[in-house]
Amino acid sequence: MLFDLEIQVYLDALWETAYMTLVSTLFVFVLGLLWGAFLYGTDQHGLWENRTVYKIVSVITSALRSVPFLILIVLLIPVTRVLVGTILGPTAALPALILGATPFYARIVEIALHETGNDLKETGLSFGATKLQVLFRILIPESLPALIRGITVTAIAITGYTSIAGAIGAGGLGNLAYLYGYARNRILVTVASTVLIALLILALQVIGDLLVKKLSKTS
């Protein structure tokens, strides 16, 4: 027994939280990269400048970012039931986690691509590269350190979201801390769950920092 529960209970909860975080982060990285690249491309001085399209997509992005995660989970219950077949468990939390974090990361991608500068864009175009080649072969590779920093921050935010999702049936350390700890007045369970979440966040930060350091040396 450890902190009033078997060690396996903590390990299972840790795995569920890691599963929700890692799978969501993978989808957010891909979708957010495309979304952010579209925002950059349609913005002023972008590769496909279109201010009307940019403003529409930008407003949608900001609106989605402003929805509190708990409310987002509730709003997505019908969608989650259709996609997953249930509204309980780690997999059921994925749609809300992905939709909640993707607009956040898309903004980071947009900023990172802008910071890469117009010089690289103009240089690539002057050498005969297509706009897609400039985006995917020049701008995004040159922005990788900033993009990795951004997805690291996003992954940490997703870990926090999993705690909220866990408290309402998604499982994981949030579920353990709330239902088995706080709700039953077992403070040691809550403390142990919190420590494990903190360690997971620390691991994500260390991995992100190492990747940024490696990419910075090779760039």
N, C-alpha and C. Protein backbone atom coordinates (compact mmCIF):
# COMPACT_ATOMS: atom_id res chain seq x y z
N MET A 1 0.84 -1.20 0.00
CA MET A 1 0.00 0.00 0.00
C MET A 1 0.88 1.26 0.00
N LEU A 2 0.51 2.21 -0.81
CA LEU A 2 1.24 3.47 -0.87
C LEU A 2 0.23 4.60 -0.88
N PHE A 3 0.30 5.46 0.16
CA PHE A 3 -0.63 6.57 0.26
C PHE A 3 -2.08 6.09 0.13
N ASP A 4 -2.43 5.05 0.87
CA ASP A 4 -3.79 4.53 0.99
C ASP A 4 -4.26 3.72 -0.22
N LEU A 5 -3.45 3.57 -1.27
CA LEU A 5 -3.86 2.80 -2.44
C LEU A 5 -2.70 1.93 -2.93
N GLU A 6 -3.04 0.88 -3.67
CA GLU A 6 -2.01 0.04 -4.26
C GLU A 6 -1.22 0.82 -5.31
N ILE A 7 0.06 0.50 -5.45
CA ILE A 7 0.91 1.18 -6.41
C ILE A 7 0.35 1.04 -7.83
N GLN A 8 -0.21 -0.11 -8.14
CA GLN A 8 -0.74 -0.35 -9.48
C GLN A 8 -1.85 0.64 -9.85
N VAL A 9 -2.61 1.07 -8.85
CA VAL A 9 -3.67 2.05 -9.11
C VAL A 9 -3.07 3.36 -9.61
N TYR A 10 -1.96 3.77 -8.97
CA TYR A 10 -1.28 4.99 -9.40
C TYR A 10 -0.66 4.82 -10.78
N LEU A 11 -0.07 3.66 -11.03
CA LEU A 11 0.56 3.42 -12.33
C LEU A 11 -0.48 3.42 -13.45
N ASP A 12 -1.64 2.82 -13.19
CA ASP A 12 -2.71 2.82 -14.19
C ASP A 12 -3.20 4.24 -14.48
N ALA A 13 -3.35 5.02 -13.43
CA ALA A 13 -3.81 6.40 -13.59
C ALA A 13 -2.76 7.23 -14.33
N LEU A 14 -1.48 6.99 -14.01
CA LEU A 14 -0.40 7.71 -14.70
C LEU A 14 -0.39 7.36 -16.18
N TRP A 15 -0.57 6.08 -16.49
CA TRP A 15 -0.61 5.66 -17.89
C TRP A 15 -1.77 6.31 -18.63
N GLU A 16 -2.94 6.37 -18.01
CA GLU A 16 -4.10 6.99 -18.65
C GLU A 16 -3.84 8.47 -18.94
N THR A 17 -3.24 9.16 -17.98
CA THR A 17 -2.92 10.58 -18.19
C THR A 17 -1.88 10.75 -19.29
N ALA A 18 -0.84 9.91 -19.27
CA ALA A 18 0.19 9.98 -20.31
C ALA A 18 -0.41 9.67 -21.68
N TYR A 19 -1.30 8.70 -21.74
CA TYR A 19 -1.97 8.33 -23.00
C TYR A 19 -2.76 9.52 -23.54
N MET A 20 -3.57 10.13 -22.70
CA MET A 20 -4.37 11.28 -23.14
C MET A 20 -3.47 12.42 -23.60
N THR A 21 -2.40 12.67 -22.86
CA THR A 21 -1.50 13.78 -23.18
C THR A 21 -0.76 13.54 -24.49
N LEU A 22 -0.15 12.36 -24.64
CA LEU A 22 0.69 12.10 -25.80
C LEU A 22 -0.11 11.98 -27.09
N VAL A 23 -1.24 11.27 -27.04
CA VAL A 23 -2.06 11.13 -28.26
C VAL A 23 -2.62 12.49 -28.68
N SER A 24 -3.12 13.24 -27.72
CA SER A 24 -3.66 14.57 -28.02
C SER A 24 -2.57 15.48 -28.58
N THR A 25 -1.39 15.45 -27.97
CA THR A 25 -0.29 16.30 -28.41
C THR A 25 0.11 15.98 -29.84
N LEU A 26 0.13 14.71 -30.21
CA LEU A 26 0.47 14.31 -31.57
C LEU A 26 -0.52 14.91 -32.57
N PHE A 27 -1.80 14.77 -32.29
CA PHE A 27 -2.82 15.33 -33.19
C PHE A 27 -2.75 16.85 -33.22
N VAL A 28 -2.54 17.46 -32.06
CA VAL A 28 -2.47 18.92 -31.99
C VAL A 28 -1.27 19.45 -32.77
N PHE A 29 -0.16 18.74 -32.70
CA PHE A 29 1.04 19.18 -33.44
C PHE A 29 0.76 19.23 -34.94
N VAL A 30 0.15 18.18 -35.46
CA VAL A 30 -0.12 18.11 -36.90
C VAL A 30 -1.20 19.12 -37.30
N LEU A 31 -2.33 19.08 -36.61
CA LEU A 31 -3.44 19.96 -36.96
C LEU A 31 -3.10 21.42 -36.69
N GLY A 32 -2.45 21.69 -35.58
CA GLY A 32 -2.08 23.06 -35.24
C GLY A 32 -1.05 23.62 -36.19
N LEU A 33 -0.13 22.76 -36.66
CA LEU A 33 0.87 23.21 -37.63
C LEU A 33 0.20 23.64 -38.94
N LEU A 34 -0.74 22.83 -39.41
CA LEU A 34 -1.46 23.17 -40.64
C LEU A 34 -2.33 24.41 -40.45
N TRP A 35 -3.01 24.46 -39.32
CA TRP A 35 -3.89 25.60 -39.02
C TRP A 35 -3.07 26.88 -38.91
N GLY A 36 -1.98 26.82 -38.17
CA GLY A 36 -1.13 28.00 -37.99
C GLY A 36 -0.48 28.43 -39.29
N ALA A 37 -0.08 27.45 -40.12
CA ALA A 37 0.52 27.77 -41.41
C ALA A 37 -0.51 28.47 -42.31
N PHE A 38 -1.76 28.04 -42.22
CA PHE A 38 -2.82 28.69 -43.00
C PHE A 38 -3.03 30.12 -42.53
N LEU A 39 -3.01 30.32 -41.22
CA LEU A 39 -3.13 31.68 -40.68
C LEU A 39 -1.99 32.56 -41.18
N TYR A 40 -0.78 32.03 -41.09
CA TYR A 40 0.38 32.79 -41.56
C TYR A 40 0.27 33.08 -43.05
N GLY A 41 -0.10 32.07 -43.83
CA GLY A 41 -0.13 32.22 -45.28
C GLY A 41 -1.14 33.22 -45.78
N THR A 42 -2.26 33.37 -45.07
CA THR A 42 -3.31 34.29 -45.51
C THR A 42 -3.20 35.67 -44.86
N ASP A 43 -2.28 35.81 -43.91
CA ASP A 43 -2.10 37.09 -43.22
C ASP A 43 -1.40 38.09 -44.14
N GLN A 44 -1.34 39.33 -43.69
CA GLN A 44 -0.66 40.37 -44.46
C GLN A 44 0.79 39.98 -44.71
N HIS A 45 1.24 40.12 -45.94
CA HIS A 45 2.59 39.75 -46.37
C HIS A 45 2.80 38.23 -46.36
N GLY A 46 1.72 37.46 -46.23
CA GLY A 46 1.84 36.01 -46.26
C GLY A 46 1.98 35.50 -47.68
N LEU A 47 2.16 34.20 -47.80
CA LEU A 47 2.37 33.59 -49.12
C LEU A 47 1.12 33.67 -49.99
N TRP A 48 -0.04 33.58 -49.36
CA TRP A 48 -1.32 33.67 -50.10
C TRP A 48 -2.18 34.75 -49.45
N GLU A 49 -1.67 35.93 -49.33
CA GLU A 49 -2.33 37.00 -48.58
C GLU A 49 -3.80 37.15 -48.99
N ASN A 50 -4.66 37.03 -47.98
CA ASN A 50 -6.10 37.21 -48.19
C ASN A 50 -6.68 37.66 -46.85
N ARG A 51 -6.78 38.94 -46.68
CA ARG A 51 -7.16 39.50 -45.38
C ARG A 51 -8.55 39.06 -44.94
N THR A 52 -9.48 38.90 -45.89
CA THR A 52 -10.84 38.49 -45.51
C THR A 52 -10.83 37.08 -44.92
N VAL A 53 -10.18 36.16 -45.63
CA VAL A 53 -10.08 34.79 -45.13
C VAL A 53 -9.35 34.76 -43.80
N TYR A 54 -8.27 35.52 -43.71
CA TYR A 54 -7.49 35.54 -42.46
C TYR A 54 -8.35 35.99 -41.28
N LYS A 55 -9.10 37.07 -41.48
CA LYS A 55 -9.91 37.60 -40.38
C LYS A 55 -10.96 36.59 -39.93
N ILE A 56 -11.57 35.88 -40.89
CA ILE A 56 -12.59 34.89 -40.53
C ILE A 56 -11.96 33.76 -39.72
N VAL A 57 -10.85 33.21 -40.22
CA VAL A 57 -10.19 32.10 -39.53
C VAL A 57 -9.62 32.56 -38.20
N SER A 58 -9.12 33.78 -38.15
CA SER A 58 -8.55 34.31 -36.91
C SER A 58 -9.62 34.46 -35.83
N VAL A 59 -10.79 34.94 -36.23
CA VAL A 59 -11.90 35.08 -35.27
C VAL A 59 -12.33 33.71 -34.74
N ILE A 60 -12.42 32.72 -35.64
CA ILE A 60 -12.77 31.36 -35.21
C ILE A 60 -11.74 30.81 -34.24
N THR A 61 -10.47 31.05 -34.55
CA THR A 61 -9.38 30.59 -33.68
C THR A 61 -9.49 31.21 -32.30
N SER A 62 -9.68 32.50 -32.26
CA SER A 62 -9.78 33.21 -30.97
C SER A 62 -11.02 32.76 -30.20
N ALA A 63 -12.13 32.54 -30.92
CA ALA A 63 -13.36 32.11 -30.26
C ALA A 63 -13.19 30.74 -29.61
N LEU A 64 -12.57 29.82 -30.33
CA LEU A 64 -12.36 28.47 -29.77
C LEU A 64 -11.41 28.52 -28.59
N ARG A 65 -10.40 29.38 -28.66
CA ARG A 65 -9.45 29.50 -27.55
C ARG A 65 -10.11 30.06 -26.29
N SER A 66 -11.19 30.82 -26.47
CA SER A 66 -11.82 31.49 -25.33
C SER A 66 -12.80 30.60 -24.58
N VAL A 67 -13.14 29.43 -25.15
CA VAL A 67 -14.12 28.56 -24.50
C VAL A 67 -13.43 27.80 -23.36
N PRO A 68 -13.91 27.93 -22.13
CA PRO A 68 -13.32 27.16 -21.03
C PRO A 68 -13.37 25.66 -21.31
N PHE A 69 -12.33 24.95 -20.91
CA PHE A 69 -12.22 23.54 -21.28
C PHE A 69 -13.37 22.70 -20.74
N LEU A 70 -13.81 22.98 -19.54
CA LEU A 70 -14.90 22.21 -18.95
C LEU A 70 -16.17 22.36 -19.77
N ILE A 71 -16.45 23.58 -20.22
CA ILE A 71 -17.62 23.82 -21.06
C ILE A 71 -17.46 23.13 -22.41
N LEU A 72 -16.24 23.15 -22.94
CA LEU A 72 -15.98 22.50 -24.22
C LEU A 72 -16.27 21.01 -24.16
N ILE A 73 -15.89 20.37 -23.06
CA ILE A 73 -16.16 18.95 -22.90
C ILE A 73 -17.67 18.68 -22.97
N VAL A 74 -18.43 19.52 -22.27
CA VAL A 74 -19.89 19.35 -22.24
C VAL A 74 -20.48 19.56 -23.63
N LEU A 75 -20.01 20.60 -24.32
CA LEU A 75 -20.53 20.89 -25.66
C LEU A 75 -20.23 19.76 -26.64
N LEU A 76 -19.12 19.07 -26.44
CA LEU A 76 -18.70 18.02 -27.37
C LEU A 76 -19.23 16.63 -27.01
N ILE A 77 -20.04 16.54 -25.98
CA ILE A 77 -20.56 15.22 -25.57
C ILE A 77 -21.25 14.49 -26.72
N PRO A 78 -22.15 15.13 -27.49
CA PRO A 78 -22.78 14.40 -28.61
C PRO A 78 -21.76 13.94 -29.66
N VAL A 79 -20.79 14.79 -29.96
CA VAL A 79 -19.76 14.44 -30.94
C VAL A 79 -18.90 13.30 -30.41
N THR A 80 -18.53 13.38 -29.15
CA THR A 80 -17.70 12.34 -28.54
C THR A 80 -18.41 11.00 -28.54
N ARG A 81 -19.70 11.02 -28.25
CA ARG A 81 -20.47 9.77 -28.24
C ARG A 81 -20.51 9.14 -29.63
N VAL A 82 -20.62 9.98 -30.66
CA VAL A 82 -20.64 9.46 -32.03
C VAL A 82 -19.27 8.92 -32.44
N LEU A 83 -18.20 9.66 -32.12
CA LEU A 83 -16.86 9.28 -32.55
C LEU A 83 -16.30 8.09 -31.77
N VAL A 84 -16.54 8.09 -30.46
CA VAL A 84 -15.90 7.10 -29.59
C VAL A 84 -16.86 6.02 -29.12
N GLY A 85 -18.15 6.36 -29.07
CA GLY A 85 -19.15 5.40 -28.59
C GLY A 85 -19.43 5.49 -27.12
N THR A 86 -18.71 6.38 -26.41
CA THR A 86 -18.91 6.57 -24.98
C THR A 86 -18.40 7.95 -24.60
N ILE A 87 -18.83 8.44 -23.45
CA ILE A 87 -18.33 9.72 -22.96
C ILE A 87 -17.46 9.54 -21.73
N LEU A 88 -17.12 8.27 -21.42
CA LEU A 88 -16.29 7.97 -20.26
C LEU A 88 -14.99 7.31 -20.71
N GLY A 89 -13.94 7.52 -19.94
CA GLY A 89 -12.67 6.89 -20.24
C GLY A 89 -11.69 7.82 -20.94
N PRO A 90 -10.41 7.46 -20.98
CA PRO A 90 -9.38 8.32 -21.57
C PRO A 90 -9.61 8.66 -23.03
N THR A 91 -10.02 7.67 -23.82
CA THR A 91 -10.23 7.92 -25.25
C THR A 91 -11.35 8.92 -25.49
N ALA A 92 -12.36 8.90 -24.65
CA ALA A 92 -13.49 9.83 -24.80
C ALA A 92 -13.06 11.27 -24.56
N ALA A 93 -11.95 11.47 -23.86
CA ALA A 93 -11.48 12.84 -23.60
C ALA A 93 -10.71 13.42 -24.78
N LEU A 94 -10.28 12.58 -25.71
CA LEU A 94 -9.41 13.04 -26.80
C LEU A 94 -10.02 14.13 -27.67
N PRO A 95 -11.28 14.00 -28.14
CA PRO A 95 -11.82 15.07 -28.99
C PRO A 95 -11.77 16.45 -28.33
N ALA A 96 -12.15 16.52 -27.07
CA ALA A 96 -12.14 17.82 -26.37
C ALA A 96 -10.71 18.31 -26.16
N LEU A 97 -9.80 17.40 -25.81
CA LEU A 97 -8.40 17.79 -25.60
C LEU A 97 -7.80 18.33 -26.90
N ILE A 98 -8.07 17.65 -28.00
CA ILE A 98 -7.50 18.07 -29.29
C ILE A 98 -8.08 19.40 -29.73
N LEU A 99 -9.41 19.52 -29.68
CA LEU A 99 -10.04 20.77 -30.11
C LEU A 99 -9.70 21.92 -29.18
N GLY A 100 -9.52 21.62 -27.90
CA GLY A 100 -9.20 22.67 -26.94
C GLY A 100 -7.79 23.23 -27.11
N ALA A 101 -6.86 22.38 -27.52
CA ALA A 101 -5.45 22.80 -27.59
C ALA A 101 -5.00 23.22 -28.98
N THR A 102 -5.66 22.74 -30.03
CA THR A 102 -5.21 23.03 -31.39
C THR A 102 -5.21 24.53 -31.72
N PRO A 103 -6.26 25.29 -31.41
CA PRO A 103 -6.22 26.73 -31.71
C PRO A 103 -5.09 27.45 -30.96
N PHE A 104 -4.82 27.00 -29.74
CA PHE A 104 -3.74 27.59 -28.94
C PHE A 104 -2.40 27.38 -29.65
N TYR A 105 -2.15 26.15 -30.10
CA TYR A 105 -0.89 25.87 -30.77
C TYR A 105 -0.83 26.53 -32.14
N ALA A 106 -1.97 26.64 -32.81
CA ALA A 106 -1.99 27.29 -34.12
C ALA A 106 -1.50 28.72 -34.04
N ARG A 107 -1.86 29.41 -32.98
CA ARG A 107 -1.38 30.79 -32.79
C ARG A 107 0.13 30.80 -32.59
N ILE A 108 0.64 29.83 -31.85
CA ILE A 108 2.08 29.75 -31.64
C ILE A 108 2.80 29.52 -32.96
N VAL A 109 2.24 28.64 -33.79
CA VAL A 109 2.82 28.36 -35.11
C VAL A 109 2.82 29.63 -35.96
N GLU A 110 1.70 30.33 -35.96
CA GLU A 110 1.60 31.56 -36.75
C GLU A 110 2.69 32.56 -36.34
N ILE A 111 2.85 32.74 -35.04
CA ILE A 111 3.85 33.69 -34.53
C ILE A 111 5.27 33.23 -34.91
N ALA A 112 5.52 31.92 -34.76
CA ALA A 112 6.84 31.39 -35.08
C ALA A 112 7.20 31.60 -36.54
N LEU A 113 6.23 31.40 -37.44
CA LEU A 113 6.49 31.57 -38.87
C LEU A 113 6.71 33.05 -39.21
N HIS A 114 5.97 33.93 -38.55
CA HIS A 114 6.20 35.36 -38.77
C HIS A 114 7.60 35.76 -38.31
N GLU A 115 8.04 35.20 -37.20
CA GLU A 115 9.35 35.55 -36.66
C GLU A 115 10.49 35.03 -37.53
N THR A 116 10.22 34.01 -38.33
CA THR A 116 11.24 33.51 -39.24
C THR A 116 11.64 34.59 -40.24
N GLY A 117 10.69 35.47 -40.54
CA GLY A 117 11.00 36.65 -41.36
C GLY A 117 10.65 36.50 -42.82
N ASN A 118 10.43 37.65 -43.43
CA ASN A 118 10.09 37.68 -44.86
C ASN A 118 11.30 37.46 -45.75
N ASP A 119 12.50 37.66 -45.20
CA ASP A 119 13.70 37.52 -46.02
C ASP A 119 13.82 36.12 -46.59
N LEU A 120 13.59 35.10 -45.73
CA LEU A 120 13.69 33.72 -46.19
C LEU A 120 12.62 33.42 -47.24
N LYS A 121 11.45 33.98 -47.04
CA LYS A 121 10.36 33.77 -48.00
C LYS A 121 10.74 34.35 -49.36
N GLU A 122 11.22 35.58 -49.36
CA GLU A 122 11.58 36.23 -50.61
C GLU A 122 12.76 35.55 -51.27
N THR A 123 13.70 35.07 -50.46
CA THR A 123 14.86 34.37 -51.01
C THR A 123 14.43 33.08 -51.70
N GLY A 124 13.56 32.32 -51.05
CA GLY A 124 13.09 31.07 -51.62
C GLY A 124 12.33 31.28 -52.92
N LEU A 125 11.47 32.29 -52.93
CA LEU A 125 10.70 32.58 -54.14
C LEU A 125 11.60 33.05 -55.28
N SER A 126 12.62 33.82 -54.93
CA SER A 126 13.53 34.32 -55.96
C SER A 126 14.34 33.21 -56.61
N PHE A 127 14.54 32.10 -55.88
CA PHE A 127 15.27 30.96 -56.43
C PHE A 127 14.34 29.98 -57.16
N GLY A 128 13.09 30.34 -57.31
CA GLY A 128 12.17 29.55 -58.10
C GLY A 128 11.37 28.52 -57.33
N ALA A 129 11.44 28.55 -56.01
CA ALA A 129 10.65 27.61 -55.20
C ALA A 129 9.18 28.01 -55.24
N THR A 130 8.31 27.02 -55.20
CA THR A 130 6.88 27.32 -55.13
C THR A 130 6.54 27.79 -53.71
N LYS A 131 5.37 28.33 -53.55
CA LYS A 131 4.97 28.82 -52.23
C LYS A 131 4.89 27.69 -51.21
N LEU A 132 4.38 26.53 -51.64
CA LEU A 132 4.33 25.38 -50.73
C LEU A 132 5.73 24.91 -50.35
N GLN A 133 6.65 24.94 -51.30
CA GLN A 133 8.02 24.56 -51.00
C GLN A 133 8.66 25.54 -50.03
N VAL A 134 8.38 26.82 -50.20
CA VAL A 134 8.90 27.82 -49.27
C VAL A 134 8.39 27.56 -47.86
N LEU A 135 7.11 27.23 -47.78
CA LEU A 135 6.50 26.99 -46.48
C LEU A 135 7.06 25.75 -45.81
N PHE A 136 7.04 24.62 -46.52
CA PHE A 136 7.36 23.34 -45.90
C PHE A 136 8.85 22.98 -45.93
N ARG A 137 9.62 23.60 -46.82
CA ARG A 137 11.04 23.27 -46.91
C ARG A 137 11.96 24.35 -46.36
N ILE A 138 11.41 25.55 -46.18
CA ILE A 138 12.25 26.65 -45.68
C ILE A 138 11.73 27.20 -44.35
N LEU A 139 10.51 27.73 -44.38
CA LEU A 139 10.00 28.43 -43.20
C LEU A 139 9.79 27.50 -42.00
N ILE A 140 9.10 26.37 -42.22
CA ILE A 140 8.84 25.46 -41.11
C ILE A 140 10.12 24.84 -40.57
N PRO A 141 11.04 24.33 -41.41
CA PRO A 141 12.31 23.81 -40.86
C PRO A 141 13.09 24.85 -40.07
N GLU A 142 13.12 26.08 -40.57
CA GLU A 142 13.86 27.13 -39.86
C GLU A 142 13.17 27.53 -38.55
N SER A 143 11.88 27.26 -38.46
CA SER A 143 11.12 27.62 -37.26
C SER A 143 11.02 26.48 -36.25
N LEU A 144 11.63 25.33 -36.54
CA LEU A 144 11.45 24.14 -35.70
C LEU A 144 11.75 24.35 -34.22
N PRO A 145 12.86 25.01 -33.85
CA PRO A 145 13.09 25.22 -32.40
C PRO A 145 11.92 25.92 -31.72
N ALA A 146 11.39 26.97 -32.36
CA ALA A 146 10.26 27.69 -31.77
C ALA A 146 9.01 26.83 -31.77
N LEU A 147 8.83 26.02 -32.82
CA LEU A 147 7.66 25.14 -32.89
C LEU A 147 7.71 24.07 -31.81
N ILE A 148 8.90 23.55 -31.53
CA ILE A 148 9.05 22.54 -30.48
C ILE A 148 8.82 23.17 -29.10
N ARG A 149 9.33 24.38 -28.91
CA ARG A 149 9.04 25.07 -27.64
C ARG A 149 7.53 25.24 -27.48
N GLY A 150 6.88 25.59 -28.57
CA GLY A 150 5.43 25.80 -28.51
C GLY A 150 4.66 24.53 -28.20
N ILE A 151 5.05 23.42 -28.84
CA ILE A 151 4.31 22.18 -28.58
C ILE A 151 4.61 21.66 -27.19
N THR A 152 5.78 21.99 -26.65
CA THR A 152 6.08 21.60 -25.27
C THR A 152 5.15 22.32 -24.30
N VAL A 153 5.01 23.63 -24.50
CA VAL A 153 4.08 24.41 -23.67
C VAL A 153 2.66 23.89 -23.82
N THR A 154 2.29 23.55 -25.06
CA THR A 154 0.95 23.04 -25.32
C THR A 154 0.72 21.70 -24.65
N ALA A 155 1.72 20.81 -24.71
CA ALA A 155 1.60 19.50 -24.08
C ALA A 155 1.41 19.63 -22.57
N ILE A 156 2.11 20.59 -21.98
CA ILE A 156 1.95 20.84 -20.53
C ILE A 156 0.54 21.34 -20.23
N ALA A 157 0.02 22.21 -21.10
CA ALA A 157 -1.35 22.69 -20.92
C ALA A 157 -2.34 21.54 -21.06
N ILE A 158 -2.10 20.64 -22.02
CA ILE A 158 -2.97 19.48 -22.22
C ILE A 158 -2.97 18.60 -20.98
N THR A 159 -1.81 18.44 -20.35
CA THR A 159 -1.74 17.65 -19.12
C THR A 159 -2.66 18.25 -18.05
N GLY A 160 -2.68 19.58 -17.99
CA GLY A 160 -3.61 20.22 -17.06
C GLY A 160 -5.06 19.98 -17.43
N TYR A 161 -5.35 19.99 -18.74
CA TYR A 161 -6.71 19.70 -19.20
C TYR A 161 -7.14 18.27 -18.81
N THR A 162 -6.20 17.32 -18.86
CA THR A 162 -6.56 15.94 -18.53
C THR A 162 -7.03 15.82 -17.08
N SER A 163 -6.50 16.67 -16.22
CA SER A 163 -6.93 16.66 -14.82
C SER A 163 -8.40 17.06 -14.71
N ILE A 164 -8.79 18.06 -15.51
CA ILE A 164 -10.19 18.49 -15.52
C ILE A 164 -11.06 17.39 -16.09
N ALA A 165 -10.61 16.81 -17.21
CA ALA A 165 -11.37 15.73 -17.84
C ALA A 165 -11.49 14.52 -16.91
N GLY A 166 -10.40 14.23 -16.20
CA GLY A 166 -10.40 13.09 -15.29
C GLY A 166 -11.40 13.24 -14.17
N ALA A 167 -11.59 14.46 -13.72
CA ALA A 167 -12.52 14.69 -12.61
C ALA A 167 -13.97 14.44 -13.00
N ILE A 168 -14.27 14.39 -14.32
CA ILE A 168 -15.65 14.14 -14.73
C ILE A 168 -15.78 12.86 -15.55
N GLY A 169 -14.85 11.93 -15.32
CA GLY A 169 -15.04 10.60 -15.87
C GLY A 169 -14.06 10.10 -16.90
N ALA A 170 -13.00 10.88 -17.20
CA ALA A 170 -12.04 10.45 -18.21
C ALA A 170 -10.96 9.54 -17.65
N GLY A 171 -10.90 9.42 -16.35
CA GLY A 171 -9.86 8.60 -15.75
C GLY A 171 -8.57 9.38 -15.56
N GLY A 172 -7.49 8.67 -15.29
CA GLY A 172 -6.20 9.33 -15.11
C GLY A 172 -5.99 9.88 -13.72
N LEU A 173 -4.93 10.66 -13.59
CA LEU A 173 -4.55 11.19 -12.27
C LEU A 173 -5.56 12.21 -11.76
N GLY A 174 -6.22 12.94 -12.66
CA GLY A 174 -7.24 13.88 -12.23
C GLY A 174 -8.39 13.18 -11.56
N ASN A 175 -8.81 12.06 -12.15
CA ASN A 175 -9.87 11.25 -11.56
C ASN A 175 -9.45 10.71 -10.20
N LEU A 176 -8.20 10.25 -10.13
CA LEU A 176 -7.68 9.70 -8.87
C LEU A 176 -7.63 10.77 -7.78
N ALA A 177 -7.13 11.94 -8.15
CA ALA A 177 -6.99 13.02 -7.17
C ALA A 177 -8.34 13.49 -6.65
N TYR A 178 -9.32 13.57 -7.55
CA TYR A 178 -10.62 14.12 -7.15
C TYR A 178 -11.53 13.08 -6.49
N LEU A 179 -11.80 11.98 -7.21
CA LEU A 179 -12.78 11.01 -6.72
C LEU A 179 -12.25 10.15 -5.58
N TYR A 180 -10.99 9.74 -5.69
CA TYR A 180 -10.42 8.87 -4.66
C TYR A 180 -9.72 9.65 -3.56
N GLY A 181 -9.36 10.89 -3.87
CA GLY A 181 -8.67 11.71 -2.89
C GLY A 181 -9.56 12.74 -2.23
N TYR A 182 -9.85 13.82 -2.97
CA TYR A 182 -10.62 14.92 -2.41
C TYR A 182 -12.01 14.51 -1.97
N ALA A 183 -12.76 13.81 -2.83
CA ALA A 183 -14.15 13.46 -2.52
C ALA A 183 -14.26 12.52 -1.33
N ARG A 184 -13.23 11.74 -1.07
CA ARG A 184 -13.26 10.80 0.05
C ARG A 184 -12.39 11.25 1.23
N ASN A 185 -11.94 12.50 1.12
CA ASN A 185 -11.15 13.10 2.19
C ASN A 185 -9.88 12.29 2.49
N ARG A 186 -9.23 11.81 1.42
CA ARG A 186 -7.96 11.08 1.55
C ARG A 186 -6.87 11.95 0.95
N ILE A 187 -6.36 12.85 1.77
CA ILE A 187 -5.45 13.89 1.30
C ILE A 187 -4.17 13.31 0.71
N LEU A 188 -3.72 12.16 1.23
CA LEU A 188 -2.49 11.56 0.73
C LEU A 188 -2.63 11.11 -0.73
N VAL A 189 -3.81 10.64 -1.09
CA VAL A 189 -4.06 10.24 -2.47
C VAL A 189 -3.99 11.47 -3.39
N THR A 190 -4.59 12.56 -2.95
CA THR A 190 -4.55 13.79 -3.73
C THR A 190 -3.13 14.30 -3.89
N VAL A 191 -2.37 14.26 -2.80
CA VAL A 191 -0.97 14.72 -2.85
C VAL A 191 -0.14 13.85 -3.79
N ALA A 192 -0.29 12.53 -3.67
CA ALA A 192 0.48 11.62 -4.52
C ALA A 192 0.13 11.82 -6.00
N SER A 193 -1.14 12.00 -6.29
CA SER A 193 -1.57 12.22 -7.67
C SER A 193 -1.00 13.53 -8.22
N THR A 194 -1.00 14.55 -7.38
CA THR A 194 -0.46 15.84 -7.79
C THR A 194 1.04 15.75 -8.07
N VAL A 195 1.75 15.02 -7.24
CA VAL A 195 3.19 14.84 -7.44
C VAL A 195 3.46 14.13 -8.77
N LEU A 196 2.67 13.11 -9.08
CA LEU A 196 2.86 12.38 -10.32
C LEU A 196 2.58 13.26 -11.54
N ILE A 197 1.55 14.09 -11.45
CA ILE A 197 1.27 15.03 -12.54
C ILE A 197 2.44 16.00 -12.72
N ALA A 198 2.98 16.48 -11.59
CA ALA A 198 4.11 17.40 -11.65
C ALA A 198 5.34 16.73 -12.29
N LEU A 199 5.56 15.47 -11.97
CA LEU A 199 6.70 14.74 -12.55
C LEU A 199 6.51 14.53 -14.05
N LEU A 200 5.27 14.27 -14.45
CA LEU A 200 4.99 14.10 -15.88
C LEU A 200 5.24 15.41 -16.63
N ILE A 201 4.80 16.51 -16.05
CA ILE A 201 5.03 17.82 -16.66
C ILE A 201 6.52 18.12 -16.74
N LEU A 202 7.25 17.78 -15.69
CA LEU A 202 8.70 18.00 -15.68
C LEU A 202 9.37 17.19 -16.79
N ALA A 203 8.93 15.94 -16.97
CA ALA A 203 9.48 15.09 -18.02
C ALA A 203 9.22 15.69 -19.39
N LEU A 204 8.02 16.20 -19.61
CA LEU A 204 7.69 16.83 -20.89
C LEU A 204 8.58 18.04 -21.14
N GLN A 205 8.80 18.83 -20.11
CA GLN A 205 9.64 20.02 -20.26
C GLN A 205 11.08 19.65 -20.58
N VAL A 206 11.60 18.64 -19.90
CA VAL A 206 12.98 18.20 -20.13
C VAL A 206 13.14 17.69 -21.56
N ILE A 207 12.20 16.85 -22.00
CA ILE A 207 12.26 16.32 -23.37
C ILE A 207 12.19 17.45 -24.39
N GLY A 208 11.28 18.40 -24.17
CA GLY A 208 11.17 19.54 -25.07
C GLY A 208 12.44 20.36 -25.13
N ASP A 209 13.04 20.62 -23.98
CA ASP A 209 14.29 21.40 -23.92
C ASP A 209 15.42 20.69 -24.65
N LEU A 210 15.50 19.37 -24.50
CA LEU A 210 16.55 18.60 -25.18
C LEU A 210 16.37 18.64 -26.69
N LEU A 211 15.13 18.53 -27.15
CA LEU A 211 14.87 18.59 -28.59
C LEU A 211 15.22 19.97 -29.15
N VAL A 212 14.85 21.01 -28.43
CA VAL A 212 15.16 22.37 -28.88
C VAL A 212 16.67 22.58 -28.95
N LYS A 213 17.38 22.07 -27.94
CA LYS A 213 18.83 22.21 -27.91
C LYS A 213 19.48 21.49 -29.09
N LYS A 214 18.98 20.30 -29.39
CA LYS A 214 19.53 19.51 -30.50
C LYS A 214 19.23 20.20 -31.83
N LEU A 215 18.01 20.69 -32.01
CA LEU A 215 17.64 21.33 -33.26
C LEU A 215 18.39 22.65 -33.45
N SER A 216 18.64 23.35 -32.35
CA SER A 216 19.36 24.63 -32.43
C SER A 216 20.80 24.41 -32.86
N LYS A 217 21.40 23.29 -32.45
CA LYS A 217 22.79 22.98 -32.82
C LYS A 217 22.91 22.60 -34.28
N THR A 218 21.85 21.93 -34.80
CA THR A 218 21.92 21.44 -36.18
C THR A 218 21.46 22.48 -37.19
N SER A 219 20.83 23.54 -36.69
CA SER A 219 20.31 24.57 -37.62
C SER A 219 21.37 25.63 -37.93
